[in-house]
Every structure is written in C-alpha cells, then in structure tokens.
Amino acid sequence: MTDSSPARTAQSSAGPEARGSAASLLAQARTELVEAATEPEPEPRYARAHLAALRAAAAVLAQRSESGVRPRRRGLRSAWDLLIELAPELGEWAGFFAAGAGKRAAAEAGLVGSVTAREADDLIREVATFCRLAERVTGGDRE
C-alpha cells in the first residue's frame, strides 16, 4: 500500500534544491534547540527554542513552496499563518507557536520574568517534537 497523503505527495515532487534547503533549515533548527537547552536563564532559553520552531516551520515552507504549493493570499503574513495554509496538518502547531510569539518578543527584549523556567523547558520539549514532525513532512527523516 502506498501513502498518497498530501505531505507524501508534496515531498516526492520536491526537487533536490527544496530538500537541501529544508534539510539545512532543519539542521539549523536542531542546532538552535541544542543551544536553547544550554541557556541558563529562561528568557533566552524560551526565545531560542521559539526561533528553532520558526526555522523548522521555514523548512516546511521552503519544501512546500519549491514543490509548487503556493499561498492563496498575498501580503505580509507570519510564518505561522503561511504554515497553516501550506501545511494544514501542522495547523495546531502553528497556532501554538503563534500564541507564544508575544512571549518570545518579551524574552528577546530581555524582560526578566517574562517567562518562567518551566515555560522555557516545556517549550524546548514541544519544539523538539515539532522538529521531528517537520522532518517527517519534508522527508528529512529518510536521509
């Protein structure tokens, strides 16, 4: 039996450039996540973990756009909005990370107490799961 899901169809039709770009972005996401885990303070830990999620989302977006999937609307939109449209199977994740963007901005601004250590640690675990899903969606788990 073959898997003809939209994710499999998109990844099989993506060219080597898209797979390479996605793989590079996923590698950057994993590196950022490792660096996030070593941050002693919760604010930079949270901000770096959220950035790792953005890079994983960018990998999916790169792969989908190279495989011919295009957003319907034009204009300035967040990566999370684009992810909902181009990879609807990751829509809940996009919503989750979009909801944390304000906290990331506060953490990046250095607002002490903007996130707790537990929030930062929880985000690291969630981003690790999201990165694994992004790898599957882009076909990066097969290389």
C-alpha atoms as a PDB file:
ATOM      1  CA  MET A   1       0.000   0.000   0.000  1.00  0.00           C
ATOM      2  CA  THR A   2       1.321   3.445  -0.889  1.00  0.00           C
ATOM      3  CA  ASP A   3       0.949   6.598   1.159  1.00  0.00           C
ATOM      4  CA  SER A   4      -0.726   9.205  -1.031  1.00  0.00           C
ATOM      5  CA  SER A   5      -1.235  11.805   1.678  1.00  0.00           C
ATOM      6  CA  PRO A   6      -0.678  15.447   0.671  1.00  0.00           C
ATOM      7  CA  ALA A   7       2.525  15.513   2.730  1.00  0.00           C
ATOM      8  CA  ARG A   8       3.960  12.494   0.903  1.00  0.00           C
ATOM      9  CA  THR A   9       2.847  13.796  -2.481  1.00  0.00           C
ATOM     10  CA  ALA A  10       4.457  17.198  -1.864  1.00  0.00           C
ATOM     11  CA  GLN A  11       7.716  15.750  -0.629  1.00  0.00           C
ATOM     12  CA  SER A  12       8.031  13.315  -3.518  1.00  0.00           C
ATOM     13  CA  SER A  13       7.543  16.095  -6.071  1.00  0.00           C
ATOM     14  CA  ALA A  14      10.014  18.466  -4.411  1.00  0.00           C
ATOM     15  CA  GLY A  15      13.292  18.882  -6.231  1.00  0.00           C
ATOM     16  CA  PRO A  16      16.723  18.386  -4.691  1.00  0.00           C
ATOM     17  CA  GLU A  17      17.035  22.135  -4.030  1.00  0.00           C
ATOM     18  CA  ALA A  18      13.941  22.115  -1.823  1.00  0.00           C
ATOM     19  CA  ARG A  19      15.079  19.031   0.057  1.00  0.00           C
ATOM     20  CA  GLY A  20      18.536  20.592   0.525  1.00  0.00           C
ATOM     21  CA  SER A  21      17.108  23.900   1.693  1.00  0.00           C
ATOM     22  CA  ALA A  22      14.694  22.171   4.043  1.00  0.00           C
ATOM     23  CA  ALA A  23      17.454  19.931   5.367  1.00  0.00           C
ATOM     24  CA  SER A  24      19.672  22.950   6.019  1.00  0.00           C
ATOM     25  CA  LEU A  25      16.904  24.776   7.863  1.00  0.00           C
ATOM     26  CA  LEU A  26      16.108  21.677   9.913  1.00  0.00           C
ATOM     27  CA  ALA A  27      19.773  21.325  10.842  1.00  0.00           C
ATOM     28  CA  GLN A  28      19.776  24.975  11.947  1.00  0.00           C
ATOM     29  CA  ALA A  29      16.616  24.339  13.979  1.00  0.00           C
ATOM     30  CA  ARG A  30      18.215  21.368  15.743  1.00  0.00           C
ATOM     31  CA  THR A  31      21.359  23.397  16.481  1.00  0.00           C
ATOM     32  CA  GLU A  32      19.298  26.284  17.827  1.00  0.00           C
ATOM     33  CA  LEU A  33      17.327  23.874  20.008  1.00  0.00           C
ATOM     34  CA  VAL A  34      20.516  22.378  21.489  1.00  0.00           C
ATOM     35  CA  GLU A  35      21.805  25.880  22.176  1.00  0.00           C
ATOM     36  CA  ALA A  36      18.478  26.815  23.766  1.00  0.00           C
ATOM     37  CA  ALA A  37      18.728  23.882  26.139  1.00  0.00           C
ATOM     38  CA  THR A  38      22.121  25.102  27.383  1.00  0.00           C
ATOM     39  CA  GLU A  39      20.939  28.640  28.190  1.00  0.00           C
ATOM     40  CA  PRO A  40      20.966  29.151  31.970  1.00  0.00           C
ATOM     41  CA  GLU A  41      18.239  31.829  32.046  1.00  0.00           C
ATOM     42  CA  PRO A  42      14.639  31.121  30.995  1.00  0.00           C
ATOM     43  CA  GLU A  43      14.184  34.157  28.737  1.00  0.00           C
ATOM     44  CA  PRO A  44      16.950  33.340  26.244  1.00  0.00           C
ATOM     45  CA  ARG A  45      16.081  29.638  26.541  1.00  0.00           C
ATOM     46  CA  TYR A  46      12.492  30.389  25.517  1.00  0.00           C
ATOM     47  CA  ALA A  47      13.477  32.807  22.746  1.00  0.00           C
ATOM     48  CA  ARG A  48      15.983  30.394  21.206  1.00  0.00           C
ATOM     49  CA  ALA A  49      13.561  27.482  21.386  1.00  0.00           C
ATOM     50  CA  HIS A  50      10.896  29.561  19.655  1.00  0.00           C
ATOM     51  CA  LEU A  51      13.438  30.531  16.988  1.00  0.00           C
ATOM     52  CA  ALA A  52      14.187  26.837  16.461  1.00  0.00           C
ATOM     53  CA  ALA A  53      10.470  26.269  15.851  1.00  0.00           C
ATOM     54  CA  LEU A  54      10.466  29.114  13.310  1.00  0.00           C
ATOM     55  CA  ARG A  55      13.382  27.528  11.464  1.00  0.00           C
ATOM     56  CA  ALA A  56      11.614  24.160  11.389  1.00  0.00           C
ATOM     57  CA  ALA A  57       8.496  25.888  10.045  1.00  0.00           C
ATOM     58  CA  ALA A  58      10.649  27.627   7.437  1.00  0.00           C
ATOM     59  CA  ALA A  59      11.939  24.215   6.345  1.00  0.00           C
ATOM     60  CA  VAL A  60       8.389  23.028   5.723  1.00  0.00           C
ATOM     61  CA  LEU A  61       7.509  26.258   3.925  1.00  0.00           C
ATOM     62  CA  ALA A  62      10.619  26.020   1.737  1.00  0.00           C
ATOM     63  CA  GLN A  63       9.847  22.441   0.812  1.00  0.00           C
ATOM     64  CA  ARG A  64       6.198  23.165   0.072  1.00  0.00           C
ATOM     65  CA  SER A  65       6.857  26.299  -1.955  1.00  0.00           C
ATOM     66  CA  GLU A  66       9.545  24.549  -4.036  1.00  0.00           C
ATOM     67  CA  SER A  67       7.124  21.705  -4.725  1.00  0.00           C
ATOM     68  CA  GLY A  68       4.655  24.114  -6.294  1.00  0.00           C
ATOM     69  CA  VAL A  69       2.335  24.769  -3.360  1.00  0.00           C
ATOM     70  CA  ARG A  70       1.651  28.497  -3.230  1.00  0.00           C
ATOM     71  CA  PRO A  71      -0.188  30.626  -0.684  1.00  0.00           C
ATOM     72  CA  ARG A  72      -3.568  31.905  -1.842  1.00  0.00           C
ATOM     73  CA  ARG A  73      -3.307  35.417  -0.406  1.00  0.00           C
ATOM     74  CA  ARG A  74      -0.607  37.965  -0.942  1.00  0.00           C
ATOM     75  CA  GLY A  75       0.789  40.431   1.545  1.00  0.00           C
ATOM     76  CA  LEU A  76       2.806  40.339   4.703  1.00  0.00           C
ATOM     77  CA  ARG A  77       1.947  37.334   6.842  1.00  0.00           C
ATOM     78  CA  SER A  78       3.674  35.452   9.586  1.00  0.00           C
ATOM     79  CA  ALA A  79       5.377  32.124   9.047  1.00  0.00           C
ATOM     80  CA  TRP A  80       2.704  30.602  11.259  1.00  0.00           C
ATOM     81  CA  ASP A  81      -0.100  31.912   9.019  1.00  0.00           C
ATOM     82  CA  LEU A  82       1.670  30.528   5.969  1.00  0.00           C
ATOM     83  CA  LEU A  83       2.238  27.192   7.696  1.00  0.00           C
ATOM     84  CA  ILE A  84      -1.488  26.864   8.418  1.00  0.00           C
ATOM     85  CA  GLU A  85      -2.204  27.415   4.738  1.00  0.00           C
ATOM     86  CA  LEU A  86       0.604  25.398   3.136  1.00  0.00           C
ATOM     87  CA  ALA A  87       0.820  22.583   5.690  1.00  0.00           C
ATOM     88  CA  PRO A  88      -2.627  22.320   7.291  1.00  0.00           C
ATOM     89  CA  GLU A  89      -1.605  19.108   9.036  1.00  0.00           C
ATOM     90  CA  LEU A  90       0.649  21.325  11.194  1.00  0.00           C
ATOM     91  CA  GLY A  91      -2.045  23.927  11.828  1.00  0.00           C
ATOM     92  CA  GLU A  92      -2.403  23.226  15.554  1.00  0.00           C
ATOM     93  CA  TRP A  93       1.342  23.585  15.968  1.00  0.00           C
ATOM     94  CA  ALA A  94       1.288  26.858  14.039  1.00  0.00           C
ATOM     95  CA  GLY A  95      -1.420  28.177  16.329  1.00  0.00           C
ATOM     96  CA  PHE A  96       0.508  27.078  19.402  1.00  0.00           C
ATOM     97  CA  PHE A  97       3.720  28.797  18.337  1.00  0.00           C
ATOM     98  CA  ALA A  98       1.907  31.909  17.086  1.00  0.00           C
ATOM     99  CA  ALA A  99       0.364  32.243  20.542  1.00  0.00           C
ATOM    100  CA  GLY A 100       3.870  32.240  22.057  1.00  0.00           C
ATOM    101  CA  ALA A 101       5.266  34.940  19.764  1.00  0.00           C
ATOM    102  CA  GLY A 102       4.495  37.718  22.239  1.00  0.00           C
ATOM    103  CA  LYS A 103       6.345  35.909  24.996  1.00  0.00           C
ATOM    104  CA  ARG A 104       9.270  35.362  22.648  1.00  0.00           C
ATOM    105  CA  ALA A 105       9.354  39.086  21.840  1.00  0.00           C
ATOM    106  CA  ALA A 106       9.327  39.953  25.541  1.00  0.00           C
ATOM    107  CA  ALA A 107      12.043  37.395  26.247  1.00  0.00           C
ATOM    108  CA  GLU A 108      14.170  38.701  23.368  1.00  0.00           C
ATOM    109  CA  ALA A 109      13.745  42.219  24.732  1.00  0.00           C
ATOM    110  CA  GLY A 110      15.284  40.990  27.977  1.00  0.00           C
ATOM    111  CA  LEU A 111      12.203  41.439  30.142  1.00  0.00           C
ATOM    112  CA  VAL A 112      13.165  39.444  33.207  1.00  0.00           C
ATOM    113  CA  GLY A 113      10.266  37.339  34.401  1.00  0.00           C
ATOM    114  CA  SER A 114       8.514  37.358  31.019  1.00  0.00           C
ATOM    115  CA  VAL A 115       8.707  33.560  31.023  1.00  0.00           C
ATOM    116  CA  THR A 116       9.291  31.026  33.746  1.00  0.00           C
ATOM    117  CA  ALA A 117      11.899  28.293  33.701  1.00  0.00           C
ATOM    118  CA  ARG A 118       9.115  25.752  33.349  1.00  0.00           C
ATOM    119  CA  GLU A 119       7.632  27.565  30.338  1.00  0.00           C
ATOM    120  CA  ALA A 120      11.048  27.611  28.685  1.00  0.00           C
ATOM    121  CA  ASP A 121      11.670  23.939  29.401  1.00  0.00           C
ATOM    122  CA  ASP A 122       8.186  22.965  28.233  1.00  0.00           C
ATOM    123  CA  LEU A 123       8.711  24.908  25.009  1.00  0.00           C
ATOM    124  CA  ILE A 124      12.007  23.118  24.364  1.00  0.00           C
ATOM    125  CA  ARG A 125      10.218  19.760  24.612  1.00  0.00           C
ATOM    126  CA  GLU A 126       7.399  20.930  22.330  1.00  0.00           C
ATOM    127  CA  VAL A 127       9.837  22.292  19.753  1.00  0.00           C
ATOM    128  CA  ALA A 128      11.760  19.004  19.753  1.00  0.00           C
ATOM    129  CA  THR A 129       8.528  17.205  18.872  1.00  0.00           C
ATOM    130  CA  PHE A 130       7.691  19.811  16.220  1.00  0.00           C
ATOM    131  CA  CYS A 131      11.144  19.447  14.650  1.00  0.00           C
ATOM    132  CA  ARG A 132      10.632  15.685  14.342  1.00  0.00           C
ATOM    133  CA  LEU A 133       7.271  16.286  12.663  1.00  0.00           C
ATOM    134  CA  ALA A 134       8.792  18.841  10.305  1.00  0.00           C
ATOM    135  CA  GLU A 135      11.448  16.301   9.374  1.00  0.00           C
ATOM    136  CA  ARG A 136       8.759  13.758   8.506  1.00  0.00           C
ATOM    137  CA  VAL A 137       6.719  16.267   6.498  1.00  0.00           C
ATOM    138  CA  THR A 138       9.731  17.385   4.474  1.00  0.00           C
ATOM    139  CA  GLY A 139      11.124  13.894   4.022  1.00  0.00           C
ATOM    140  CA  GLY A 140      14.183  14.737   6.117  1.00  0.00           C
ATOM    141  CA  ASP A 141      13.662  11.655   8.270  1.00  0.00           C
ATOM    142  CA  ARG A 142      14.549   9.411   5.313  1.00  0.00           C
ATOM    143  CA  GLU A 143      18.047  10.721   4.638  1.00  0.00           C
END
